[in-house]
């Protein structure tokens, strides 16, 4: 059964920034874009680059290693349709940032 896990305070993640969280043994990159928060697996599915260190362009994160881009909401890759980053639902509740884990 899915559960939401607290990874920090929403106010701790500034607009346009990313952070890393360790949840149930998995590293997750969390992004604050506009009024929303997004979460993806922390390692690029191409060759393991650190997505949290990438550049945010609109609703895409660009991997700093090889430039592969992933949509923050869907995880789809713009350069290689065969690649997809795992995504995780995120919500803010009472100021806490929560990630849904299966």
PDB file of N, CA and C in Angstrom:
ATOM      1  N   UNK A   1       0.846  -1.180   0.000  1.00  0.00           N
ATOM      2  CA  UNK A   1       0.000   0.000   0.000  1.00  0.00           C
ATOM      3  C   UNK A   1       0.893   1.246   0.000  1.00  0.00           C
ATOM      4  N   UNK A   2       0.504   2.239  -0.769  1.00  0.00           N
ATOM      5  CA  UNK A   2       1.282   3.477  -0.887  1.00  0.00           C
ATOM      6  C   UNK A   2       1.171   4.289   0.398  1.00  0.00           C
ATOM      7  N   UNK A   3       2.259   5.018   0.695  1.00  0.00           N
ATOM      8  CA  UNK A   3       2.273   5.878   1.868  1.00  0.00           C
ATOM      9  C   UNK A   3       3.042   7.148   1.527  1.00  0.00           C
ATOM     10  N   UNK A   4       2.673   8.237   2.182  1.00  0.00           N
ATOM     11  CA  UNK A   4       3.394   9.496   2.015  1.00  0.00           C
ATOM     12  C   UNK A   4       4.432   9.617   3.122  1.00  0.00           C
ATOM     13  N   UNK A   5       5.652   9.985   2.723  1.00  0.00           N
ATOM     14  CA  UNK A   5       6.772  10.096   3.650  1.00  0.00           C
ATOM     15  C   UNK A   5       7.263  11.537   3.654  1.00  0.00           C
ATOM     16  N   UNK A   6       7.442  12.104   4.843  1.00  0.00           N
ATOM     17  CA  UNK A   6       7.943  13.470   4.965  1.00  0.00           C
ATOM     18  C   UNK A   6       9.423  13.505   4.591  1.00  0.00           C
ATOM     19  N   UNK A   7       9.772  14.462   3.711  1.00  0.00           N
ATOM     20  CA  UNK A   7      11.172  14.619   3.299  1.00  0.00           C
ATOM     21  C   UNK A   7      11.736  15.988   3.691  1.00  0.00           C
ATOM     22  N   UNK A   8      10.907  16.830   4.284  1.00  0.00           N
ATOM     23  CA  UNK A   8      11.367  18.148   4.705  1.00  0.00           C
ATOM     24  C   UNK A   8      10.211  19.121   4.755  1.00  0.00           C
ATOM     25  N   UNK A   9      10.566  20.384   4.902  1.00  0.00           N
ATOM     26  CA  UNK A   9       9.585  21.465   4.913  1.00  0.00           C
ATOM     27  C   UNK A   9       9.529  22.092   3.526  1.00  0.00           C
ATOM     28  N   UNK A  10       8.339  22.393   3.054  1.00  0.00           N
ATOM     29  CA  UNK A  10       8.185  22.991   1.725  1.00  0.00           C
ATOM     30  C   UNK A  10       8.953  24.307   1.631  1.00  0.00           C
ATOM     31  N   UNK A  11       8.991  25.070   2.703  1.00  0.00           N
ATOM     32  CA  UNK A  11       9.688  26.360   2.701  1.00  0.00           C
ATOM     33  C   UNK A  11      11.203  26.217   2.574  1.00  0.00           C
ATOM     34  N   UNK A  12      11.725  25.026   2.828  1.00  0.00           N
ATOM     35  CA  UNK A  12      13.173  24.806   2.742  1.00  0.00           C
ATOM     36  C   UNK A  12      13.670  24.694   1.303  1.00  0.00           C
ATOM     37  N   UNK A  13      12.745  24.512   0.362  1.00  0.00           N
ATOM     38  CA  UNK A  13      13.120  24.347  -1.047  1.00  0.00           C
ATOM     39  C   UNK A  13      12.638  25.569  -1.826  1.00  0.00           C
ATOM     40  N   UNK A  14      13.577  26.445  -2.162  1.00  0.00           N
ATOM     41  CA  UNK A  14      13.237  27.695  -2.849  1.00  0.00           C
ATOM     42  C   UNK A  14      12.796  27.438  -4.284  1.00  0.00           C
ATOM     43  N   UNK A  15      12.020  28.364  -4.807  1.00  0.00           N
ATOM     44  CA  UNK A  15      11.570  28.321  -6.201  1.00  0.00           C
ATOM     45  C   UNK A  15      12.767  28.166  -7.131  1.00  0.00           C
ATOM     46  N   UNK A  16      12.675  27.226  -8.081  1.00  0.00           N
ATOM     47  CA  UNK A  16      13.735  27.011  -9.057  1.00  0.00           C
ATOM     48  C   UNK A  16      14.903  26.184  -8.550  1.00  0.00           C
ATOM     49  N   UNK A  17      14.757  25.609  -7.365  1.00  0.00           N
ATOM     50  CA  UNK A  17      15.832  24.824  -6.765  1.00  0.00           C
ATOM     51  C   UNK A  17      15.461  23.341  -6.697  1.00  0.00           C
ATOM     52  N   UNK A  18      16.478  22.526  -6.411  1.00  0.00           N
ATOM     53  CA  UNK A  18      16.295  21.083  -6.250  1.00  0.00           C
ATOM     54  C   UNK A  18      16.963  20.641  -4.961  1.00  0.00           C
ATOM     55  N   UNK A  19      16.531  19.503  -4.450  1.00  0.00           N
ATOM     56  CA  UNK A  19      17.169  18.901  -3.286  1.00  0.00           C
ATOM     57  C   UNK A  19      17.124  17.392  -3.426  1.00  0.00           C
ATOM     58  N   UNK A  20      17.977  16.731  -2.695  1.00  0.00           N
ATOM     59  CA  UNK A  20      17.991  15.275  -2.667  1.00  0.00           C
ATOM     60  C   UNK A  20      17.358  14.789  -1.383  1.00  0.00           C
ATOM     61  N   UNK A  21      16.656  13.664  -1.471  1.00  0.00           N
ATOM     62  CA  UNK A  21      16.091  13.025  -0.288  1.00  0.00           C
ATOM     63  C   UNK A  21      16.361  11.526  -0.382  1.00  0.00           C
ATOM     64  N   UNK A  22      16.526  10.912   0.753  1.00  0.00           N
ATOM     65  CA  UNK A  22      16.679   9.462   0.836  1.00  0.00           C
ATOM     66  C   UNK A  22      15.394   8.946   1.451  1.00  0.00           C
ATOM     67  N   UNK A  23      14.635   8.142   0.687  1.00  0.00           N
ATOM     68  CA  UNK A  23      13.357   7.634   1.165  1.00  0.00           C
ATOM     69  C   UNK A  23      13.306   6.138   0.912  1.00  0.00           C
ATOM     70  N   UNK A  24      13.121   5.388   1.973  1.00  0.00           N
ATOM     71  CA  UNK A  24      13.041   3.922   1.868  1.00  0.00           C
ATOM     72  C   UNK A  24      14.188   3.352   1.043  1.00  0.00           C
ATOM     73  N   UNK A  25      15.395   3.865   1.260  1.00  0.00           N
ATOM     74  CA  UNK A  25      16.576   3.359   0.559  1.00  0.00           C
ATOM     75  C   UNK A  25      16.745   3.861  -0.862  1.00  0.00           C
ATOM     76  N   UNK A  26      15.876   4.748  -1.309  1.00  0.00           N
ATOM     77  CA  UNK A  26      15.959   5.284  -2.668  1.00  0.00           C
ATOM     78  C   UNK A  26      16.307   6.770  -2.615  1.00  0.00           C
ATOM     79  N   UNK A  27      17.189   7.190  -3.527  1.00  0.00           N
ATOM     80  CA  UNK A  27      17.544   8.603  -3.638  1.00  0.00           C
ATOM     81  C   UNK A  27      16.569   9.260  -4.612  1.00  0.00           C
ATOM     82  N   UNK A  28      15.956  10.345  -4.165  1.00  0.00           N
ATOM     83  CA  UNK A  28      14.939  11.039  -4.951  1.00  0.00           C
ATOM     84  C   UNK A  28      15.314  12.510  -5.058  1.00  0.00           C
ATOM     85  N   UNK A  29      15.217  13.054  -6.274  1.00  0.00           N
ATOM     86  CA  UNK A  29      15.452  14.473  -6.523  1.00  0.00           C
ATOM     87  C   UNK A  29      14.098  15.180  -6.506  1.00  0.00           C
ATOM     88  N   UNK A  30      14.017  16.257  -5.736  1.00  0.00           N
ATOM     89  CA  UNK A  30      12.775  17.009  -5.604  1.00  0.00           C
ATOM     90  C   UNK A  30      13.013  18.413  -6.147  1.00  0.00           C
ATOM     91  N   UNK A  31      12.083  18.894  -6.956  1.00  0.00           N
ATOM     92  CA  UNK A  31      12.217  20.172  -7.642  1.00  0.00           C
ATOM     93  C   UNK A  31      11.037  21.067  -7.298  1.00  0.00           C
ATOM     94  N   UNK A  32      11.304  22.367  -7.119  1.00  0.00           N
ATOM     95  CA  UNK A  32      10.254  23.361  -6.870  1.00  0.00           C
ATOM     96  C   UNK A  32      10.205  24.280  -8.086  1.00  0.00           C
ATOM     97  N   UNK A  33       9.126  24.168  -8.847  1.00  0.00           N
ATOM     98  CA  UNK A  33       8.966  24.958 -10.067  1.00  0.00           C
ATOM     99  C   UNK A  33       7.575  25.592 -10.042  1.00  0.00           C
ATOM    100  N   UNK A  34       7.543  26.912 -10.107  1.00  0.00           N
ATOM    101  CA  UNK A  34       6.259  27.608 -10.032  1.00  0.00           C
ATOM    102  C   UNK A  34       5.642  27.367  -8.668  1.00  0.00           C
ATOM    103  N   UNK A  35       4.417  27.007  -8.656  1.00  0.00           N
ATOM    104  CA  UNK A  35       3.703  26.724  -7.407  1.00  0.00           C
ATOM    105  C   UNK A  35       3.727  25.243  -7.059  1.00  0.00           C
ATOM    106  N   UNK A  36       4.452  24.430  -7.828  1.00  0.00           N
ATOM    107  CA  UNK A  36       4.393  22.973  -7.685  1.00  0.00           C
ATOM    108  C   UNK A  36       5.736  22.380  -7.285  1.00  0.00           C
ATOM    109  N   UNK A  37       5.655  21.169  -6.769  1.00  0.00           N
ATOM    110  CA  UNK A  37       6.829  20.369  -6.440  1.00  0.00           C
ATOM    111  C   UNK A  37       6.760  19.085  -7.252  1.00  0.00           C
ATOM    112  N   UNK A  38       7.913  18.620  -7.701  1.00  0.00           N
ATOM    113  CA  UNK A  38       8.006  17.404  -8.511  1.00  0.00           C
ATOM    114  C   UNK A  38       9.116  16.532  -7.946  1.00  0.00           C
ATOM    115  N   UNK A  39       8.978  15.223  -8.105  1.00  0.00           N
ATOM    116  CA  UNK A  39      10.009  14.305  -7.628  1.00  0.00           C
ATOM    117  C   UNK A  39      10.299  13.248  -8.689  1.00  0.00           C
ATOM    118  N   UNK A  40      11.596  13.038  -8.925  1.00  0.00           N
ATOM    119  CA  UNK A  40      12.077  12.034  -9.883  1.00  0.00           C
ATOM    120  C   UNK A  40      13.166  11.213  -9.214  1.00  0.00           C
ATOM    121  N   UNK A  41      13.418  10.042  -9.780  1.00  0.00           N
ATOM    122  CA  UNK A  41      14.576   9.291  -9.308  1.00  0.00           C
ATOM    123  C   UNK A  41      15.798  10.193  -9.448  1.00  0.00           C
ATOM    124  N   UNK A  42      16.732  10.089  -8.517  1.00  0.00           N
ATOM    125  CA  UNK A  42      17.853  11.024  -8.474  1.00  0.00           C
ATOM    126  C   UNK A  42      18.904  10.770  -9.550  1.00  0.00           C
ATOM    127  N   UNK A  43      18.997   9.540 -10.044  1.00  0.00           N
ATOM    128  CA  UNK A  43      20.006   9.194 -11.048  1.00  0.00           C
ATOM    129  C   UNK A  43      19.386   9.166 -12.433  1.00  0.00           C
ATOM    130  N   UNK A  44      20.033   9.822 -13.371  1.00  0.00           N
ATOM    131  CA  UNK A  44      19.573   9.831 -14.751  1.00  0.00           C
ATOM    132  C   UNK A  44      19.530   8.404 -15.290  1.00  0.00           C
ATOM    133  N   UNK A  45      18.429   7.999 -15.929  1.00  0.00           N
ATOM    134  CA  UNK A  45      18.347   6.648 -16.472  1.00  0.00           C
ATOM    135  C   UNK A  45      19.273   6.409 -17.667  1.00  0.00           C
ATOM    136  N   UNK A  46      19.889   7.459 -18.202  1.00  0.00           N
ATOM    137  CA  UNK A  46      20.826   7.289 -19.307  1.00  0.00           C
ATOM    138  C   UNK A  46      22.126   6.657 -18.806  1.00  0.00           C
ATOM    139  N   UNK A  47      22.857   7.392 -17.933  1.00  0.00           N
ATOM    140  CA  UNK A  47      24.107   6.846 -17.410  1.00  0.00           C
ATOM    141  C   UNK A  47      24.352   7.221 -15.950  1.00  0.00           C
ATOM    142  N   UNK A  48      23.281   7.511 -15.224  1.00  0.00           N
ATOM    143  CA  UNK A  48      23.399   7.714 -13.788  1.00  0.00           C
ATOM    144  C   UNK A  48      23.795   9.092 -13.318  1.00  0.00           C
ATOM    145  N   UNK A  49      23.735  10.092 -14.184  1.00  0.00           N
ATOM    146  CA  UNK A  49      24.075  11.460 -13.785  1.00  0.00           C
ATOM    147  C   UNK A  49      23.166  11.970 -12.683  1.00  0.00           C
ATOM    148  N   UNK A  50      23.635  12.946 -11.908  1.00  0.00           N
ATOM    149  CA  UNK A  50      22.869  13.487 -10.782  1.00  0.00           C
ATOM    150  C   UNK A  50      21.816  14.510 -11.234  1.00  0.00           C
ATOM    151  N   UNK A  51      20.582  14.088 -11.368  1.00  0.00           N
ATOM    152  CA  UNK A  51      19.541  14.981 -11.882  1.00  0.00           C
ATOM    153  C   UNK A  51      19.326  16.208 -11.002  1.00  0.00           C
ATOM    154  N   UNK A  52      19.501  16.098  -9.703  1.00  0.00           N
ATOM    155  CA  UNK A  52      19.308  17.258  -8.823  1.00  0.00           C
ATOM    156  C   UNK A  52      20.326  18.360  -9.105  1.00  0.00           C
ATOM    157  N   UNK A  53      21.435  18.018  -9.741  1.00  0.00           N
ATOM    158  CA  UNK A  53      22.453  19.012 -10.098  1.00  0.00           C
ATOM    159  C   UNK A  53      22.235  19.586 -11.489  1.00  0.00           C
ATOM    160  N   UNK A  54      21.174  19.143 -12.163  1.00  0.00           N
ATOM    161  CA  UNK A  54      20.906  19.595 -13.517  1.00  0.00           C
ATOM    162  C   UNK A  54      20.309  20.984 -13.565  1.00  0.00           C
ATOM    163  N   UNK A  55      20.035  21.429 -14.777  1.00  0.00           N
ATOM    164  CA  UNK A  55      19.448  22.742 -15.023  1.00  0.00           C
ATOM    165  C   UNK A  55      17.956  22.586 -15.260  1.00  0.00           C
ATOM    166  N   UNK A  56      17.163  23.384 -14.557  1.00  0.00           N
ATOM    167  CA  UNK A  56      15.719  23.371 -14.754  1.00  0.00           C
ATOM    168  C   UNK A  56      15.393  24.343 -15.877  1.00  0.00           C
ATOM    169  N   UNK A  57      14.691  23.852 -16.897  1.00  0.00           N
ATOM    170  CA  UNK A  57      14.226  24.675 -18.011  1.00  0.00           C
ATOM    171  C   UNK A  57      12.737  24.421 -18.181  1.00  0.00           C
ATOM    172  N   UNK A  58      11.932  25.350 -17.718  1.00  0.00           N
ATOM    173  CA  UNK A  58      10.484  25.144 -17.756  1.00  0.00           C
ATOM    174  C   UNK A  58      10.128  23.967 -16.869  1.00  0.00           C
ATOM    175  N   UNK A  59       9.456  22.969 -17.445  1.00  0.00           N
ATOM    176  CA  UNK A  59       9.101  21.764 -16.696  1.00  0.00           C
ATOM    177  C   UNK A  59      10.018  20.598 -17.039  1.00  0.00           C
ATOM    178  N   UNK A  60      11.265  20.903 -17.411  1.00  0.00           N
ATOM    179  CA  UNK A  60      12.249  19.862 -17.724  1.00  0.00           C
ATOM    180  C   UNK A  60      13.488  20.037 -16.865  1.00  0.00           C
ATOM    181  N   UNK A  61      14.104  18.917 -16.525  1.00  0.00           N
ATOM    182  CA  UNK A  61      15.411  18.930 -15.881  1.00  0.00           C
ATOM    183  C   UNK A  61      16.409  18.388 -16.897  1.00  0.00           C
ATOM    184  N   UNK A  62      17.507  19.106 -17.075  1.00  0.00           N
ATOM    185  CA  UNK A  62      18.547  18.718 -18.023  1.00  0.00           C
ATOM    186  C   UNK A  62      19.685  18.093 -17.231  1.00  0.00           C
ATOM    187  N   UNK A  63      19.995  16.837 -17.524  1.00  0.00           N
ATOM    188  CA  UNK A  63      21.066  16.136 -16.817  1.00  0.00           C
ATOM    189  C   UNK A  63      22.404  16.836 -17.094  1.00  0.00           C
ATOM    190  N   UNK A  64      23.198  17.086 -16.052  1.00  0.00           N
ATOM    191  CA  UNK A  64      24.459  17.795 -16.250  1.00  0.00           C
ATOM    192  C   UNK A  64      25.534  16.974 -16.960  1.00  0.00           C
ATOM    193  N   UNK A  65      25.391  15.685 -17.043  1.00  0.00           N
ATOM    194  CA  UNK A  65      26.425  14.860 -17.665  1.00  0.00           C
ATOM    195  C   UNK A  65      26.352  14.860 -19.181  1.00  0.00           C
ATOM    196  N   UNK A  66      25.172  14.562 -19.751  1.00  0.00           N
ATOM    197  CA  UNK A  66      25.081  14.401 -21.206  1.00  0.00           C
ATOM    198  C   UNK A  66      23.933  15.175 -21.841  1.00  0.00           C
ATOM    199  N   UNK A  67      23.235  16.002 -21.054  1.00  0.00           N
ATOM    200  CA  UNK A  67      22.202  16.859 -21.613  1.00  0.00           C
ATOM    201  C   UNK A  67      20.863  16.203 -21.882  1.00  0.00           C
ATOM    202  N   UNK A  68      20.656  15.000 -21.387  1.00  0.00           N
ATOM    203  CA  UNK A  68      19.347  14.374 -21.566  1.00  0.00           C
ATOM    204  C   UNK A  68      18.340  15.143 -20.714  1.00  0.00           C
ATOM    205  N   UNK A  69      17.166  15.401 -21.285  1.00  0.00           N
ATOM    206  CA  UNK A  69      16.153  16.178 -20.570  1.00  0.00           C
ATOM    207  C   UNK A  69      14.971  15.296 -20.212  1.00  0.00           C
ATOM    208  N   UNK A  70      14.429  15.538 -19.024  1.00  0.00           N
ATOM    209  CA  UNK A  70      13.300  14.749 -18.527  1.00  0.00           C
ATOM    210  C   UNK A  70      12.205  15.687 -18.045  1.00  0.00           C
ATOM    211  N   UNK A  71      10.975  15.374 -18.452  1.00  0.00           N
ATOM    212  CA  UNK A  71       9.826  16.164 -18.031  1.00  0.00           C
ATOM    213  C   UNK A  71       9.580  15.892 -16.553  1.00  0.00           C
ATOM    214  N   UNK A  72       9.459  16.957 -15.764  1.00  0.00           N
ATOM    215  CA  UNK A  72       9.324  16.799 -14.323  1.00  0.00           C
ATOM    216  C   UNK A  72       8.035  16.100 -13.910  1.00  0.00           C
ATOM    217  N   UNK A  73       6.992  16.258 -14.686  1.00  0.00           N
ATOM    218  CA  UNK A  73       5.710  15.647 -14.319  1.00  0.00           C
ATOM    219  C   UNK A  73       5.606  14.193 -14.777  1.00  0.00           C
ATOM    220  N   UNK A  74       6.089  13.904 -15.981  1.00  0.00           N
ATOM    221  CA  UNK A  74       5.892  12.568 -16.556  1.00  0.00           C
ATOM    222  C   UNK A  74       7.145  11.698 -16.534  1.00  0.00           C
ATOM    223  N   UNK A  75       8.317  12.317 -16.427  1.00  0.00           N
ATOM    224  CA  UNK A  75       9.570  11.565 -16.489  1.00  0.00           C
ATOM    225  C   UNK A  75      10.026  11.247 -17.898  1.00  0.00           C
ATOM    226  N   UNK A  76       9.248  11.637 -18.915  1.00  0.00           N
ATOM    227  CA  UNK A  76       9.595  11.339 -20.309  1.00  0.00           C
ATOM    228  C   UNK A  76      10.852  12.085 -20.734  1.00  0.00           C
ATOM    229  N   UNK A  77      11.664  11.405 -21.537  1.00  0.00           N
ATOM    230  CA  UNK A  77      12.903  11.985 -22.036  1.00  0.00           C
ATOM    231  C   UNK A  77      12.667  12.580 -23.416  1.00  0.00           C
ATOM    232  N   UNK A  78      13.120  13.823 -23.610  1.00  0.00           N
ATOM    233  CA  UNK A  78      12.947  14.484 -24.895  1.00  0.00           C
ATOM    234  C   UNK A  78      13.927  14.009 -25.954  1.00  0.00           C
ATOM    235  N   UNK A  79      15.086  13.500 -25.554  1.00  0.00           N
ATOM    236  CA  UNK A  79      16.103  13.057 -26.514  1.00  0.00           C
ATOM    237  C   UNK A  79      15.961  11.604 -26.909  1.00  0.00           C
ATOM    238  N   UNK A  80      15.461  10.787 -25.998  1.00  0.00           N
ATOM    239  CA  UNK A  80      15.347   9.351 -26.255  1.00  0.00           C
ATOM    240  C   UNK A  80      14.018   8.859 -25.703  1.00  0.00           C
ATOM    241  N   UNK A  81      13.025   8.647 -26.579  1.00  0.00           N
ATOM    242  CA  UNK A  81      11.709   8.219 -26.115  1.00  0.00           C
ATOM    243  C   UNK A  81      11.727   6.888 -25.365  1.00  0.00           C
ATOM    244  N   UNK A  82      12.814   6.141 -25.491  1.00  0.00           N
ATOM    245  CA  UNK A  82      12.931   4.865 -24.781  1.00  0.00           C
ATOM    246  C   UNK A  82      13.345   5.022 -23.330  1.00  0.00           C
ATOM    247  N   UNK A  83      13.752   6.218 -22.948  1.00  0.00           N
ATOM    248  CA  UNK A  83      14.152   6.467 -21.561  1.00  0.00           C
ATOM    249  C   UNK A  83      13.045   7.207 -20.825  1.00  0.00           C
ATOM    250  N   UNK A  84      12.918   6.890 -19.564  1.00  0.00           N
ATOM    251  CA  UNK A  84      11.946   7.573 -18.707  1.00  0.00           C
ATOM    252  C   UNK A  84      12.470   7.525 -17.279  1.00  0.00           C
ATOM    253  N   UNK A  85      12.448   8.662 -16.618  1.00  0.00           N
ATOM    254  CA  UNK A  85      12.810   8.724 -15.207  1.00  0.00           C
ATOM    255  C   UNK A  85      11.577   8.385 -14.368  1.00  0.00           C
ATOM    256  N   UNK A  86      11.778   7.630 -13.314  1.00  0.00           N
ATOM    257  CA  UNK A  86      10.671   7.320 -12.412  1.00  0.00           C
ATOM    258  C   UNK A  86      10.218   8.605 -11.728  1.00  0.00           C
ATOM    259  N   UNK A  87       8.928   8.780 -11.607  1.00  0.00           N
ATOM    260  CA  UNK A  87       8.374   9.954 -10.941  1.00  0.00           C
ATOM    261  C   UNK A  87       7.642   9.509  -9.675  1.00  0.00           C
ATOM    262  N   UNK A  88       7.515  10.429  -8.750  1.00  0.00           N
ATOM    263  CA  UNK A  88       6.835  10.166  -7.487  1.00  0.00           C
ATOM    264  C   UNK A  88       5.870  11.304  -7.206  1.00  0.00           C
ATOM    265  N   UNK A  89       4.642  10.985  -6.784  1.00  0.00           N
ATOM    266  CA  UNK A  89       3.709  12.044  -6.400  1.00  0.00           C
ATOM    267  C   UNK A  89       4.236  12.815  -5.187  1.00  0.00           C
ATOM    268  N   UNK A  90       4.005  14.125  -5.194  1.00  0.00           N
ATOM    269  CA  UNK A  90       4.441  15.007  -4.113  1.00  0.00           C
ATOM    270  C   UNK A  90       3.240  15.824  -3.658  1.00  0.00           C
ATOM    271  N   UNK A  91       3.169  16.042  -2.351  1.00  0.00           N
ATOM    272  CA  UNK A  91       2.148  16.956  -1.839  1.00  0.00           C
ATOM    273  C   UNK A  91       2.717  17.728  -0.659  1.00  0.00           C
ATOM    274  N   UNK A  92       2.093  18.874  -0.405  1.00  0.00           N
ATOM    275  CA  UNK A  92       2.435  19.687   0.752  1.00  0.00           C
ATOM    276  C   UNK A  92       1.252  19.609   1.704  1.00  0.00           C
ATOM    277  N   UNK A  93       1.565  19.246   2.942  1.00  0.00           N
ATOM    278  CA  UNK A  93       0.518  19.130   3.954  1.00  0.00           C
ATOM    279  C   UNK A  93       1.025  19.760   5.246  1.00  0.00           C
ATOM    280  N   UNK A  94       0.319  20.760   5.720  1.00  0.00           N
ATOM    281  CA  UNK A  94       0.730  21.481   6.944  1.00  0.00           C
ATOM    282  C   UNK A  94       2.165  21.969   6.859  1.00  0.00           C
ATOM    283  N   UNK A  95       2.584  22.402   5.674  1.00  0.00           N
ATOM    284  CA  UNK A  95       3.930  22.930   5.475  1.00  0.00           C
ATOM    285  C   UNK A  95       4.990  21.867   5.260  1.00  0.00           C
ATOM    286  N   UNK A  96       4.636  20.601   5.387  1.00  0.00           N
ATOM    287  CA  UNK A  96       5.575  19.508   5.172  1.00  0.00           C
ATOM    288  C   UNK A  96       5.546  19.069   3.725  1.00  0.00           C
ATOM    289  N   UNK A  97       6.715  18.702   3.211  1.00  0.00           N
ATOM    290  CA  UNK A  97       6.860  18.180   1.862  1.00  0.00           C
ATOM    291  C   UNK A  97       6.829  16.660   1.953  1.00  0.00           C
ATOM    292  N   UNK A  98       5.866  16.036   1.274  1.00  0.00           N
ATOM    293  CA  UNK A  98       5.658  14.593   1.354  1.00  0.00           C
ATOM    294  C   UNK A  98       5.783  13.936  -0.014  1.00  0.00           C
ATOM    295  N   UNK A  99       6.444  12.778  -0.048  1.00  0.00           N
ATOM    296  CA  UNK A  99       6.611  11.997  -1.280  1.00  0.00           C
ATOM    297  C   UNK A  99       5.844  10.690  -1.093  1.00  0.00           C
ATOM    298  N   UNK A 100       5.098  10.297  -2.130  1.00  0.00           N
ATOM    299  CA  UNK A 100       4.364   9.036  -2.061  1.00  0.00           C
ATOM    300  C   UNK A 100       5.258   7.890  -2.507  1.00  0.00           C
ATOM    301  N   UNK A 101       5.382   6.902  -1.644  1.00  0.00           N
ATOM    302  CA  UNK A 101       6.175   5.709  -1.939  1.00  0.00           C
ATOM    303  C   UNK A 101       5.233   4.502  -1.997  1.00  0.00           C
ATOM    304  N   UNK A 102       5.477   3.648  -2.987  1.00  0.00           N
ATOM    305  CA  UNK A 102       4.622   2.459  -3.146  1.00  0.00           C
ATOM    306  C   UNK A 102       4.941   1.416  -2.094  1.00  0.00           C
TER     307      UNK A 102
END
